[in-house]
All heavy atoms as atom14 arrays in JSON, in Angstrom:
{
  "sequence": "IERHLGDARLPPGKTLDSFAFDAVPMISRAQVTALCSGDGWL",
  "atom14_mask": [
    [1, 1, 1, 1, 1, 1, 1, 1, 0, 0, 0, 0, 0, 0],
    [1, 1, 1, 1, 1, 1, 1, 1, 1, 0, 0, 0, 0, 0],
    [1, 1, 1, 1, 1, 1, 1, 1, 1, 1, 1, 0, 0, 0],
    [1, 1, 1, 1, 1, 1, 1, 1, 1, 1, 0, 0, 0, 0],
    [1, 1, 1, 1, 1, 1, 1, 1, 0, 0, 0, 0, 0, 0],
    [1, 1, 1, 1, 0, 0, 0, 0, 0, 0, 0, 0, 0, 0],
    [1, 1, 1, 1, 1, 1, 1, 1, 0, 0, 0, 0, 0, 0],
    [1, 1, 1, 1, 1, 0, 0, 0, 0, 0, 0, 0, 0, 0],
    [1, 1, 1, 1, 1, 1, 1, 1, 1, 1, 1, 0, 0, 0],
    [1, 1, 1, 1, 1, 1, 1, 1, 0, 0, 0, 0, 0, 0],
    [1, 1, 1, 1, 1, 1, 1, 0, 0, 0, 0, 0, 0, 0],
    [1, 1, 1, 1, 1, 1, 1, 0, 0, 0, 0, 0, 0, 0],
    [1, 1, 1, 1, 0, 0, 0, 0, 0, 0, 0, 0, 0, 0],
    [1, 1, 1, 1, 1, 1, 1, 1, 1, 0, 0, 0, 0, 0],
    [1, 1, 1, 1, 1, 1, 1, 0, 0, 0, 0, 0, 0, 0],
    [1, 1, 1, 1, 1, 1, 1, 1, 0, 0, 0, 0, 0, 0],
    [1, 1, 1, 1, 1, 1, 1, 1, 0, 0, 0, 0, 0, 0],
    [1, 1, 1, 1, 1, 1, 0, 0, 0, 0, 0, 0, 0, 0],
    [1, 1, 1, 1, 1, 1, 1, 1, 1, 1, 1, 0, 0, 0],
    [1, 1, 1, 1, 1, 0, 0, 0, 0, 0, 0, 0, 0, 0],
    [1, 1, 1, 1, 1, 1, 1, 1, 1, 1, 1, 0, 0, 0],
    [1, 1, 1, 1, 1, 1, 1, 1, 0, 0, 0, 0, 0, 0],
    [1, 1, 1, 1, 1, 0, 0, 0, 0, 0, 0, 0, 0, 0],
    [1, 1, 1, 1, 1, 1, 1, 0, 0, 0, 0, 0, 0, 0],
    [1, 1, 1, 1, 1, 1, 1, 0, 0, 0, 0, 0, 0, 0],
    [1, 1, 1, 1, 1, 1, 1, 1, 0, 0, 0, 0, 0, 0],
    [1, 1, 1, 1, 1, 1, 1, 1, 0, 0, 0, 0, 0, 0],
    [1, 1, 1, 1, 1, 1, 0, 0, 0, 0, 0, 0, 0, 0],
    [1, 1, 1, 1, 1, 1, 1, 1, 1, 1, 1, 0, 0, 0],
    [1, 1, 1, 1, 1, 0, 0, 0, 0, 0, 0, 0, 0, 0],
    [1, 1, 1, 1, 1, 1, 1, 1, 1, 0, 0, 0, 0, 0],
    [1, 1, 1, 1, 1, 1, 1, 0, 0, 0, 0, 0, 0, 0],
    [1, 1, 1, 1, 1, 1, 1, 0, 0, 0, 0, 0, 0, 0],
    [1, 1, 1, 1, 1, 0, 0, 0, 0, 0, 0, 0, 0, 0],
    [1, 1, 1, 1, 1, 1, 1, 1, 0, 0, 0, 0, 0, 0],
    [1, 1, 1, 1, 1, 1, 0, 0, 0, 0, 0, 0, 0, 0],
    [1, 1, 1, 1, 1, 1, 0, 0, 0, 0, 0, 0, 0, 0],
    [1, 1, 1, 1, 0, 0, 0, 0, 0, 0, 0, 0, 0, 0],
    [1, 1, 1, 1, 1, 1, 1, 1, 0, 0, 0, 0, 0, 0],
    [1, 1, 1, 1, 0, 0, 0, 0, 0, 0, 0, 0, 0, 0],
    [1, 1, 1, 1, 1, 1, 1, 1, 1, 1, 1, 1, 1, 1],
    [1, 1, 1, 1, 1, 1, 1, 1, 0, 0, 0, 0, 0, 0]
  ],
  "atom14_positions": [
    [[4.58, -18.86, -12.78], [4.16, -17.86, -11.79], [3.92, -18.53, -10.45], [4.28, -17.99, -9.39], [2.89, -17.13, -12.29], [3.24, -16.23, -13.48], [2.25, -16.33, -11.17], [2.03, -15.6, -14.14], [0.0, 0.0, 0.0], [0.0, 0.0, 0.0], [0.0, 0.0, 0.0], [0.0, 0.0, 0.0], [0.0, 0.0, 0.0], [0.0, 0.0, 0.0]],
    [[3.33, -19.7, -10.46], [3.08, -20.44, -9.23], [4.39, -20.75, -8.51], [4.5, -20.6, -7.28], [2.31, -21.72, -9.56], [1.72, -22.43, -8.37], [0.87, -23.61, -8.79], [1.44, -24.67, -9.13], [-0.37, -23.48, -8.81], [0.0, 0.0, 0.0], [0.0, 0.0, 0.0], [0.0, 0.0, 0.0], [0.0, 0.0, 0.0], [0.0, 0.0, 0.0]],
    [[5.39, -21.21, -9.25], [6.7, -21.5, -8.65], [7.34, -20.24, -8.09], [7.88, -20.23, -6.98], [7.65, -22.12, -9.69], [7.32, -23.53, -10.1], [8.49, -24.17, -10.83], [8.99, -23.34, -11.93], [8.52, -23.39, -13.18], [7.52, -24.21, -13.48], [9.04, -22.62, -14.14], [0.0, 0.0, 0.0], [0.0, 0.0, 0.0], [0.0, 0.0, 0.0]],
    [[7.29, -19.16, -8.86], [7.93, -17.93, -8.45], [7.23, -17.29, -7.25], [7.89, -16.68, -6.39], [7.99, -16.95, -9.62], [8.93, -17.38, -10.7], [9.08, -16.69, -11.89], [9.78, -18.45, -10.78], [9.97, -17.31, -12.65], [10.41, -18.38, -11.99], [0.0, 0.0, 0.0], [0.0, 0.0, 0.0], [0.0, 0.0, 0.0], [0.0, 0.0, 0.0]],
    [[5.91, -17.46, -7.17], [5.19, -16.97, -6.0], [5.61, -17.74, -4.75], [5.8, -17.14, -3.68], [3.68, -17.11, -6.21], [3.01, -16.03, -7.07], [1.56, -16.38, -7.33], [3.11, -14.67, -6.41], [0.0, 0.0, 0.0], [0.0, 0.0, 0.0], [0.0, 0.0, 0.0], [0.0, 0.0, 0.0], [0.0, 0.0, 0.0], [0.0, 0.0, 0.0]],
    [[5.76, -19.04, -4.88], [6.21, -19.83, -3.74], [7.61, -19.46, -3.3], [7.94, -19.45, -2.11], [0.0, 0.0, 0.0], [0.0, 0.0, 0.0], [0.0, 0.0, 0.0], [0.0, 0.0, 0.0], [0.0, 0.0, 0.0], [0.0, 0.0, 0.0], [0.0, 0.0, 0.0], [0.0, 0.0, 0.0], [0.0, 0.0, 0.0], [0.0, 0.0, 0.0]],
    [[8.46, -19.14, -4.27], [9.85, -18.8, -3.99], [10.0, -17.4, -3.42], [10.96, -17.1, -2.71], [10.65, -18.92, -5.29], [12.15, -18.88, -5.08], [12.62, -19.37, -4.03], [12.86, -18.36, -5.95], [0.0, 0.0, 0.0], [0.0, 0.0, 0.0], [0.0, 0.0, 0.0], [0.0, 0.0, 0.0], [0.0, 0.0, 0.0], [0.0, 0.0, 0.0]],
    [[9.04, -16.52, -3.7], [9.17, -15.1, -3.35], [8.98, -14.83, -1.86], [9.46, -13.82, -1.35], [8.17, -14.27, -4.14], [0.0, 0.0, 0.0], [0.0, 0.0, 0.0], [0.0, 0.0, 0.0], [0.0, 0.0, 0.0], [0.0, 0.0, 0.0], [0.0, 0.0, 0.0], [0.0, 0.0, 0.0], [0.0, 0.0, 0.0], [0.0, 0.0, 0.0]],
    [[8.26, -15.69, -1.17], [8.0, -15.53, 0.27], [7.29, -14.21, 0.58], [7.58, -13.54, 1.57], [9.3, -15.62, 1.08], [10.01, -16.95, 0.97], [9.14, -18.08, 1.53], [9.9, -19.33, 1.68], [9.97, -20.29, 0.78], [9.35, -20.11, -0.4], [10.65, -21.39, 0.99], [0.0, 0.0, 0.0], [0.0, 0.0, 0.0], [0.0, 0.0, 0.0]],
    [[6.34, -13.84, -0.27], [5.57, -12.63, -0.03], [4.59, -12.85, 1.12], [4.0, -13.93, 1.23], [4.79, -12.23, -1.28], [5.6, -11.8, -2.5], [4.67, -11.69, -3.7], [6.3, -10.48, -2.24], [0.0, 0.0, 0.0], [0.0, 0.0, 0.0], [0.0, 0.0, 0.0], [0.0, 0.0, 0.0], [0.0, 0.0, 0.0], [0.0, 0.0, 0.0]],
    [[4.37, -11.85, 1.97], [3.33, -11.98, 2.99], [1.97, -12.11, 2.31], [1.71, -11.42, 1.32], [3.44, -10.7, 3.8], [4.17, -9.74, 2.92], [5.06, -10.55, 2.04], [0.0, 0.0, 0.0], [0.0, 0.0, 0.0], [0.0, 0.0, 0.0], [0.0, 0.0, 0.0], [0.0, 0.0, 0.0], [0.0, 0.0, 0.0], [0.0, 0.0, 0.0]],
    [[1.1, -12.98, 2.79], [-0.17, -13.22, 2.1], [-1.14, -12.05, 2.2], [-1.13, -11.27, 3.16], [-0.72, -14.46, 2.82], [-0.11, -14.39, 4.19], [1.26, -13.82, 3.99], [0.0, 0.0, 0.0], [0.0, 0.0, 0.0], [0.0, 0.0, 0.0], [0.0, 0.0, 0.0], [0.0, 0.0, 0.0], [0.0, 0.0, 0.0], [0.0, 0.0, 0.0]],
    [[-1.99, -11.94, 1.18], [-3.08, -10.99, 1.21], [-2.73, -9.55, 0.91], [-3.58, -8.66, 1.02], [0.0, 0.0, 0.0], [0.0, 0.0, 0.0], [0.0, 0.0, 0.0], [0.0, 0.0, 0.0], [0.0, 0.0, 0.0], [0.0, 0.0, 0.0], [0.0, 0.0, 0.0], [0.0, 0.0, 0.0], [0.0, 0.0, 0.0], [0.0, 0.0, 0.0]],
    [[-1.48, -9.28, 0.54], [-1.05, -7.91, 0.28], [-1.11, -7.64, -1.22], [-0.22, -8.03, -1.97], [0.36, -7.66, 0.81], [0.57, -8.05, 2.26], [-0.35, -7.28, 3.2], [-0.04, -7.61, 4.65], [-0.98, -6.96, 5.58], [0.0, 0.0, 0.0], [0.0, 0.0, 0.0], [0.0, 0.0, 0.0], [0.0, 0.0, 0.0], [0.0, 0.0, 0.0]],
    [[-2.17, -7.01, -1.67], [-2.36, -6.73, -3.09], [-2.6, -5.23, -3.28], [-2.9, -4.5, -2.34], [-3.56, -7.5, -3.65], [-4.76, -6.99, -3.05], [-3.46, -9.0, -3.34], [0.0, 0.0, 0.0], [0.0, 0.0, 0.0], [0.0, 0.0, 0.0], [0.0, 0.0, 0.0], [0.0, 0.0, 0.0], [0.0, 0.0, 0.0], [0.0, 0.0, 0.0]],
    [[-2.49, -4.78, -4.53], [-2.79, -3.39, -4.81], [-4.26, -3.08, -4.58], [-4.62, -1.98, -4.15], [-2.4, -3.05, -6.25], [-0.9, -3.01, -6.56], [-0.68, -2.65, -8.02], [-0.17, -2.01, -5.66], [0.0, 0.0, 0.0], [0.0, 0.0, 0.0], [0.0, 0.0, 0.0], [0.0, 0.0, 0.0], [0.0, 0.0, 0.0], [0.0, 0.0, 0.0]],
    [[-5.13, -4.05, -4.85], [-6.56, -3.81, -4.66], [-6.9, -3.61, -3.19], [-7.85, -2.89, -2.86], [-7.37, -5.0, -5.21], [-7.4, -5.02, -6.72], [-7.14, -3.96, -7.33], [-7.65, -6.1, -7.3], [0.0, 0.0, 0.0], [0.0, 0.0, 0.0], [0.0, 0.0, 0.0], [0.0, 0.0, 0.0], [0.0, 0.0, 0.0], [0.0, 0.0, 0.0]],
    [[-6.14, -4.25, -2.29], [-6.43, -4.11, -0.86], [-5.62, -3.0, -0.2], [-5.75, -2.77, 1.01], [-6.16, -5.44, -0.14], [-4.79, -5.81, -0.23], [0.0, 0.0, 0.0], [0.0, 0.0, 0.0], [0.0, 0.0, 0.0], [0.0, 0.0, 0.0], [0.0, 0.0, 0.0], [0.0, 0.0, 0.0], [0.0, 0.0, 0.0], [0.0, 0.0, 0.0]],
    [[-4.78, -2.29, -0.98], [-4.0, -1.19, -0.41], [-4.84, 0.07, -0.4], [-5.48, 0.42, -1.4], [-2.73, -0.96, -1.24], [-1.84, 0.13, -0.68], [-1.08, -0.1, 0.45], [-1.78, 1.37, -1.29], [-0.26, 0.9, 0.98], [-0.98, 2.36, -0.78], [-0.21, 2.13, 0.36], [0.0, 0.0, 0.0], [0.0, 0.0, 0.0], [0.0, 0.0, 0.0]],
    [[-4.84, 0.78, 0.74], [-5.68, 1.97, 0.9], [-4.97, 3.2, 0.33], [-4.37, 3.99, 1.06], [-6.02, 2.17, 2.37], [0.0, 0.0, 0.0], [0.0, 0.0, 0.0], [0.0, 0.0, 0.0], [0.0, 0.0, 0.0], [0.0, 0.0, 0.0], [0.0, 0.0, 0.0], [0.0, 0.0, 0.0], [0.0, 0.0, 0.0], [0.0, 0.0, 0.0]],
    [[-5.07, 3.37, -0.98], [-4.43, 4.52, -1.61], [-5.0, 5.84, -1.1], [-4.28, 6.85, -1.01], [-4.59, 4.46, -3.14], [-3.63, 3.53, -3.81], [-4.0, 2.23, -4.11], [-2.35, 3.94, -4.15], [-3.12, 1.36, -4.74], [-1.46, 3.09, -4.77], [-1.85, 1.79, -5.07], [0.0, 0.0, 0.0], [0.0, 0.0, 0.0], [0.0, 0.0, 0.0]],
    [[-6.28, 5.84, -0.72], [-6.88, 7.09, -0.23], [-6.29, 7.52, 1.1], [-6.34, 8.71, 1.45], [-8.4, 6.92, -0.11], [-8.8, 5.76, 0.79], [-7.96, 4.86, 0.99], [-9.94, 5.75, 1.27], [0.0, 0.0, 0.0], [0.0, 0.0, 0.0], [0.0, 0.0, 0.0], [0.0, 0.0, 0.0], [0.0, 0.0, 0.0], [0.0, 0.0, 0.0]],
    [[-5.71, 6.58, 1.86], [-5.1, 6.92, 3.14], [-3.66, 7.4, 2.98], [-3.05, 7.87, 3.93], [-5.13, 5.71, 4.07], [0.0, 0.0, 0.0], [0.0, 0.0, 0.0], [0.0, 0.0, 0.0], [0.0, 0.0, 0.0], [0.0, 0.0, 0.0], [0.0, 0.0, 0.0], [0.0, 0.0, 0.0], [0.0, 0.0, 0.0], [0.0, 0.0, 0.0]],
    [[-3.12, 7.24, 1.78], [-1.73, 7.67, 1.51], [-1.79, 8.56, 0.26], [-1.36, 8.16, -0.83], [-0.81, 6.45, 1.28], [0.66, 6.88, 1.32], [-1.05, 5.37, 2.32], [0.0, 0.0, 0.0], [0.0, 0.0, 0.0], [0.0, 0.0, 0.0], [0.0, 0.0, 0.0], [0.0, 0.0, 0.0], [0.0, 0.0, 0.0], [0.0, 0.0, 0.0]],
    [[-2.3, 9.77, 0.4], [-2.56, 10.61, -0.78], [-1.31, 11.01, -1.55], [-1.41, 11.41, -2.72], [-3.24, 11.85, -0.17], [-2.84, 11.86, 1.27], [-2.71, 10.43, 1.66], [0.0, 0.0, 0.0], [0.0, 0.0, 0.0], [0.0, 0.0, 0.0], [0.0, 0.0, 0.0], [0.0, 0.0, 0.0], [0.0, 0.0, 0.0], [0.0, 0.0, 0.0]],
    [[-0.14, 10.89, -0.91], [1.08, 11.27, -1.63], [1.55, 10.18, -2.6], [2.5, 10.38, -3.37], [2.21, 11.61, -0.65], [2.71, 10.44, 0.2], [1.57, 9.98, 1.53], [1.56, 11.45, 2.52], [0.0, 0.0, 0.0], [0.0, 0.0, 0.0], [0.0, 0.0, 0.0], [0.0, 0.0, 0.0], [0.0, 0.0, 0.0], [0.0, 0.0, 0.0]],
    [[0.89, 9.02, -2.59], [1.24, 7.93, -3.49], [0.24, 7.88, -4.64], [-0.97, 7.77, -4.41], [1.26, 6.58, -2.75], [2.27, 6.6, -1.6], [1.59, 5.45, -3.71], [3.69, 6.81, -2.03], [0.0, 0.0, 0.0], [0.0, 0.0, 0.0], [0.0, 0.0, 0.0], [0.0, 0.0, 0.0], [0.0, 0.0, 0.0], [0.0, 0.0, 0.0]],
    [[0.73, 7.95, -5.86], [-0.12, 7.91, -7.04], [-0.36, 6.47, -7.45], [0.59, 5.74, -7.72], [0.53, 8.68, -8.18], [-0.05, 8.35, -9.42], [0.0, 0.0, 0.0], [0.0, 0.0, 0.0], [0.0, 0.0, 0.0], [0.0, 0.0, 0.0], [0.0, 0.0, 0.0], [0.0, 0.0, 0.0], [0.0, 0.0, 0.0], [0.0, 0.0, 0.0]],
    [[-1.62, 6.08, -7.5], [-1.94, 4.73, -7.96], [-1.45, 4.51, -9.38], [-0.96, 3.42, -9.72], [-3.45, 4.48, -7.88], [-3.82, 3.03, -8.18], [-5.31, 2.79, -8.15], [-5.57, 1.36, -8.17], [-6.13, 0.68, -7.2], [-6.51, 1.29, -6.08], [-6.33, -0.62, -7.29], [0.0, 0.0, 0.0], [0.0, 0.0, 0.0], [0.0, 0.0, 0.0]],
    [[-1.56, 5.52, -10.24], [-1.12, 5.38, -11.62], [0.38, 5.14, -11.68], [0.86, 4.32, -12.48], [-1.5, 6.64, -12.4], [0.0, 0.0, 0.0], [0.0, 0.0, 0.0], [0.0, 0.0, 0.0], [0.0, 0.0, 0.0], [0.0, 0.0, 0.0], [0.0, 0.0, 0.0], [0.0, 0.0, 0.0], [0.0, 0.0, 0.0], [0.0, 0.0, 0.0]],
    [[1.15, 5.84, -10.86], [2.6, 5.65, -10.86], [2.97, 4.26, -10.36], [3.85, 3.6, -10.92], [3.28, 6.71, -10.0], [4.82, 6.63, -10.04], [5.48, 7.7, -9.18], [4.82, 8.37, -8.38], [6.78, 7.86, -9.33], [0.0, 0.0, 0.0], [0.0, 0.0, 0.0], [0.0, 0.0, 0.0], [0.0, 0.0, 0.0], [0.0, 0.0, 0.0]],
    [[2.3, 3.81, -9.31], [2.57, 2.47, -8.78], [2.22, 1.41, -9.83], [2.97, 0.45, -10.03], [1.78, 2.23, -7.48], [1.87, 0.77, -7.05], [2.32, 3.13, -6.36], [0.0, 0.0, 0.0], [0.0, 0.0, 0.0], [0.0, 0.0, 0.0], [0.0, 0.0, 0.0], [0.0, 0.0, 0.0], [0.0, 0.0, 0.0], [0.0, 0.0, 0.0]],
    [[1.08, 1.59, -10.5], [0.67, 0.64, -11.53], [1.7, 0.57, -12.65], [2.03, -0.51, -13.16], [-0.7, 1.03, -12.09], [-1.67, 1.05, -11.03], [-1.15, 0.05, -13.16], [0.0, 0.0, 0.0], [0.0, 0.0, 0.0], [0.0, 0.0, 0.0], [0.0, 0.0, 0.0], [0.0, 0.0, 0.0], [0.0, 0.0, 0.0], [0.0, 0.0, 0.0]],
    [[2.25, 1.72, -13.02], [3.29, 1.75, -14.05], [4.54, 1.01, -13.59], [5.15, 0.27, -14.36], [3.62, 3.19, -14.42], [0.0, 0.0, 0.0], [0.0, 0.0, 0.0], [0.0, 0.0, 0.0], [0.0, 0.0, 0.0], [0.0, 0.0, 0.0], [0.0, 0.0, 0.0], [0.0, 0.0, 0.0], [0.0, 0.0, 0.0], [0.0, 0.0, 0.0]],
    [[4.9, 1.18, -12.32], [6.08, 0.48, -11.78], [5.87, -1.04, -11.8], [6.83, -1.8, -11.94], [6.36, 0.95, -10.36], [6.95, 2.35, -10.2], [6.94, 2.76, -8.73], [8.37, 2.41, -10.75], [0.0, 0.0, 0.0], [0.0, 0.0, 0.0], [0.0, 0.0, 0.0], [0.0, 0.0, 0.0], [0.0, 0.0, 0.0], [0.0, 0.0, 0.0]],
    [[4.63, -1.46, -11.64], [4.34, -2.9, -11.56], [4.55, -3.63, -12.88], [4.58, -4.87, -12.9], [2.9, -3.11, -11.07], [2.69, -2.71, -9.32], [0.0, 0.0, 0.0], [0.0, 0.0, 0.0], [0.0, 0.0, 0.0], [0.0, 0.0, 0.0], [0.0, 0.0, 0.0], [0.0, 0.0, 0.0], [0.0, 0.0, 0.0], [0.0, 0.0, 0.0]],
    [[4.69, -2.9, -13.97], [5.01, -3.57, -15.23], [6.47, -4.02, -15.23], [6.85, -4.98, -15.91], [4.75, -2.64, -16.41], [5.73, -1.6, -16.45], [0.0, 0.0, 0.0], [0.0, 0.0, 0.0], [0.0, 0.0, 0.0], [0.0, 0.0, 0.0], [0.0, 0.0, 0.0], [0.0, 0.0, 0.0], [0.0, 0.0, 0.0], [0.0, 0.0, 0.0]],
    [[7.3, -3.3, -14.46], [8.74, -3.62, -14.4], [9.54, -3.03, -15.54], [10.77, -2.96, -15.46], [0.0, 0.0, 0.0], [0.0, 0.0, 0.0], [0.0, 0.0, 0.0], [0.0, 0.0, 0.0], [0.0, 0.0, 0.0], [0.0, 0.0, 0.0], [0.0, 0.0, 0.0], [0.0, 0.0, 0.0], [0.0, 0.0, 0.0], [0.0, 0.0, 0.0]],
    [[8.88, -2.63, -16.6], [9.58, -2.1, -17.77], [10.23, -0.75, -17.44], [9.63, 0.1, -16.79], [8.62, -1.92, -18.94], [7.98, -3.24, -19.36], [8.63, -4.28, -19.17], [6.83, -3.23, -19.84], [0.0, 0.0, 0.0], [0.0, 0.0, 0.0], [0.0, 0.0, 0.0], [0.0, 0.0, 0.0], [0.0, 0.0, 0.0], [0.0, 0.0, 0.0]],
    [[11.45, -0.58, -17.92], [12.1, 0.71, -17.77], [12.89, 0.9, -16.51], [13.65, 1.85, -16.4], [0.0, 0.0, 0.0], [0.0, 0.0, 0.0], [0.0, 0.0, 0.0], [0.0, 0.0, 0.0], [0.0, 0.0, 0.0], [0.0, 0.0, 0.0], [0.0, 0.0, 0.0], [0.0, 0.0, 0.0], [0.0, 0.0, 0.0], [0.0, 0.0, 0.0]],
    [[12.73, 0.02, -15.53], [13.55, 0.19, -14.32], [14.21, -1.11, -13.86], [15.37, -1.11, -13.47], [12.76, 0.84, -13.19], [11.62, 0.04, -12.6], [10.43, -0.24, -13.18], [11.58, -0.54, -11.29], [9.64, -0.98, -12.32], [10.31, -1.17, -11.15], [12.47, -0.6, -10.22], [9.94, -1.84, -9.98], [12.09, -1.26, -9.05], [10.84, -1.87, -8.94]],
    [[13.51, -2.23, -13.96], [14.15, -3.49, -13.55], [15.29, -3.87, -14.48], [16.3, -4.44, -14.05], [13.12, -4.61, -13.46], [12.1, -4.52, -12.33], [11.2, -5.73, -12.32], [12.78, -4.35, -10.98], [0.0, 0.0, 0.0], [0.0, 0.0, 0.0], [0.0, 0.0, 0.0], [0.0, 0.0, 0.0], [0.0, 0.0, 0.0], [0.0, 0.0, 0.0]]
  ]
}
């Protein structure tokens, strides 16, 4: 995971916990969480 994080070049500090779901009411936290497993679509 450490290697893959370094390789991914993600902008720092961007996590689901810090995302303001209440400011984007059309986005379901449950749906996003399900997508984060990767199963069924990747």
